[in-house]
Amino acid sequence: MSDLPKMMSKREIELEELEEAKYVQSLRDDIEKLQERCDRYEKALTEIDRSRYGMQFRRDRNPNLARQALAAIGGDDD
């Protein structure tokens, strides 16, 4: 056997490019879903942080819990 690389046909190249494009799109879709999930978590944590229950929860158990969680995901901790 030869150590030379196999020459690919135009069709093989097109199929490989199509598979790569599908893989890249799949990764983009996954990233978009994860971003949407993070946005929902950030919104929920912000609401907890601002709610009356959240104020009591922070004061009674862990004064910085919601703010620490927001900071961990890059949320606003104002």
C-alpha atoms as a PDB file:
ATOM      1  CA  MET A   1       0.000   0.000   0.000  1.00  0.00           C
ATOM      2  CA  SER A   2       1.090   3.514  -0.702  1.00  0.00           C
ATOM      3  CA  ASP A   3       1.509   6.195   1.964  1.00  0.00           C
ATOM      4  CA  LEU A   4       0.124   8.806  -0.396  1.00  0.00           C
ATOM      5  CA  PRO A   5      -3.184  10.408   0.627  1.00  0.00           C
ATOM      6  CA  LYS A   6      -6.262   9.149  -1.186  1.00  0.00           C
ATOM      7  CA  MET A   7      -7.598  11.537  -3.793  1.00  0.00           C
ATOM      8  CA  MET A   8     -11.242  12.306  -3.179  1.00  0.00           C
ATOM      9  CA  SER A   9     -13.800  12.733  -5.892  1.00  0.00           C
ATOM     10  CA  LYS A  10     -15.769  15.951  -6.184  1.00  0.00           C
ATOM     11  CA  ARG A  11     -18.857  14.126  -4.880  1.00  0.00           C
ATOM     12  CA  GLU A  12     -16.960  12.791  -1.831  1.00  0.00           C
ATOM     13  CA  ILE A  13     -15.750  16.301  -1.062  1.00  0.00           C
ATOM     14  CA  GLU A  14     -19.288  17.690  -1.383  1.00  0.00           C
ATOM     15  CA  LEU A  15     -20.648  14.991   0.954  1.00  0.00           C
ATOM     16  CA  GLU A  16     -17.905  15.671   3.492  1.00  0.00           C
ATOM     17  CA  GLU A  17     -18.607  19.405   3.358  1.00  0.00           C
ATOM     18  CA  LEU A  18     -22.330  18.734   3.813  1.00  0.00           C
ATOM     19  CA  GLU A  19     -21.649  16.573   6.886  1.00  0.00           C
ATOM     20  CA  GLU A  20     -19.397  19.281   8.322  1.00  0.00           C
ATOM     21  CA  ALA A  21     -22.086  21.910   7.703  1.00  0.00           C
ATOM     22  CA  LYS A  22     -24.690  19.730   9.464  1.00  0.00           C
ATOM     23  CA  TYR A  23     -22.332  19.266  12.418  1.00  0.00           C
ATOM     24  CA  VAL A  24     -21.638  23.000  12.678  1.00  0.00           C
ATOM     25  CA  GLN A  25     -25.372  23.773  12.515  1.00  0.00           C
ATOM     26  CA  SER A  26     -26.016  21.193  15.229  1.00  0.00           C
ATOM     27  CA  LEU A  27     -23.439  22.897  17.447  1.00  0.00           C
ATOM     28  CA  ARG A  28     -25.004  26.296  16.781  1.00  0.00           C
ATOM     29  CA  ASP A  29     -28.444  24.933  17.680  1.00  0.00           C
ATOM     30  CA  ASP A  30     -27.068  23.488  20.922  1.00  0.00           C
ATOM     31  CA  ILE A  31     -25.440  26.808  21.806  1.00  0.00           C
ATOM     32  CA  GLU A  32     -28.679  28.668  21.109  1.00  0.00           C
ATOM     33  CA  LYS A  33     -30.656  26.283  23.350  1.00  0.00           C
ATOM     34  CA  LEU A  34     -28.120  26.648  26.151  1.00  0.00           C
ATOM     35  CA  GLN A  35     -28.208  30.445  25.841  1.00  0.00           C
ATOM     36  CA  GLU A  36     -32.006  30.417  26.058  1.00  0.00           C
ATOM     37  CA  ARG A  37     -31.789  28.225  29.161  1.00  0.00           C
ATOM     38  CA  CYS A  38     -29.240  30.560  30.768  1.00  0.00           C
ATOM     39  CA  ASP A  39     -31.456  33.543  29.971  1.00  0.00           C
ATOM     40  CA  ARG A  40     -34.412  31.839  31.698  1.00  0.00           C
ATOM     41  CA  TYR A  41     -32.283  31.003  34.750  1.00  0.00           C
ATOM     42  CA  GLU A  42     -30.990  34.552  34.940  1.00  0.00           C
ATOM     43  CA  LYS A  43     -34.531  35.927  34.735  1.00  0.00           C
ATOM     44  CA  ALA A  44     -35.743  33.562  37.467  1.00  0.00           C
ATOM     45  CA  LEU A  45     -32.838  34.423  39.740  1.00  0.00           C
ATOM     46  CA  THR A  46     -33.377  38.138  39.153  1.00  0.00           C
ATOM     47  CA  GLU A  47     -37.048  37.738  40.088  1.00  0.00           C
ATOM     48  CA  ILE A  48     -36.105  35.813  43.240  1.00  0.00           C
ATOM     49  CA  ASP A  49     -33.569  38.475  44.110  1.00  0.00           C
ATOM     50  CA  ARG A  50     -36.170  41.229  43.773  1.00  0.00           C
ATOM     51  CA  SER A  51     -39.161  39.485  45.336  1.00  0.00           C
ATOM     52  CA  ARG A  52     -40.293  39.934  48.912  1.00  0.00           C
ATOM     53  CA  TYR A  53     -39.776  36.216  49.555  1.00  0.00           C
ATOM     54  CA  GLY A  54     -36.319  36.478  48.071  1.00  0.00           C
ATOM     55  CA  MET A  55     -35.489  39.359  50.374  1.00  0.00           C
ATOM     56  CA  GLN A  56     -36.595  37.282  53.384  1.00  0.00           C
ATOM     57  CA  PHE A  57     -34.781  34.191  52.072  1.00  0.00           C
ATOM     58  CA  ARG A  58     -31.542  36.106  51.602  1.00  0.00           C
ATOM     59  CA  ARG A  59     -31.807  37.730  55.035  1.00  0.00           C
ATOM     60  CA  ASP A  60     -32.714  34.537  56.911  1.00  0.00           C
ATOM     61  CA  ARG A  61     -30.557  31.900  55.217  1.00  0.00           C
ATOM     62  CA  ASN A  62     -27.896  33.213  52.860  1.00  0.00           C
ATOM     63  CA  PRO A  63     -27.817  36.948  52.287  1.00  0.00           C
ATOM     64  CA  ASN A  64     -26.049  36.699  48.934  1.00  0.00           C
ATOM     65  CA  LEU A  65     -27.382  33.463  47.399  1.00  0.00           C
ATOM     66  CA  ALA A  66     -29.306  34.928  44.456  1.00  0.00           C
ATOM     67  CA  ARG A  67     -26.621  37.527  43.778  1.00  0.00           C
ATOM     68  CA  GLN A  68     -23.888  34.878  43.845  1.00  0.00           C
ATOM     69  CA  ALA A  69     -25.857  32.764  41.386  1.00  0.00           C
ATOM     70  CA  LEU A  70     -26.393  35.737  39.080  1.00  0.00           C
ATOM     71  CA  ALA A  71     -22.691  36.600  39.236  1.00  0.00           C
ATOM     72  CA  ALA A  72     -21.778  32.990  38.400  1.00  0.00           C
ATOM     73  CA  ILE A  73     -23.751  33.164  35.140  1.00  0.00           C
ATOM     74  CA  GLY A  74     -22.706  36.722  34.406  1.00  0.00           C
ATOM     75  CA  GLY A  75     -25.980  38.321  35.426  1.00  0.00           C
ATOM     76  CA  ASP A  76     -26.456  41.796  36.761  1.00  0.00           C
ATOM     77  CA  ASP A  77     -26.129  41.845  40.534  1.00  0.00           C
ATOM     78  CA  ASP A  78     -27.476  45.366  41.138  1.00  0.00           C
END
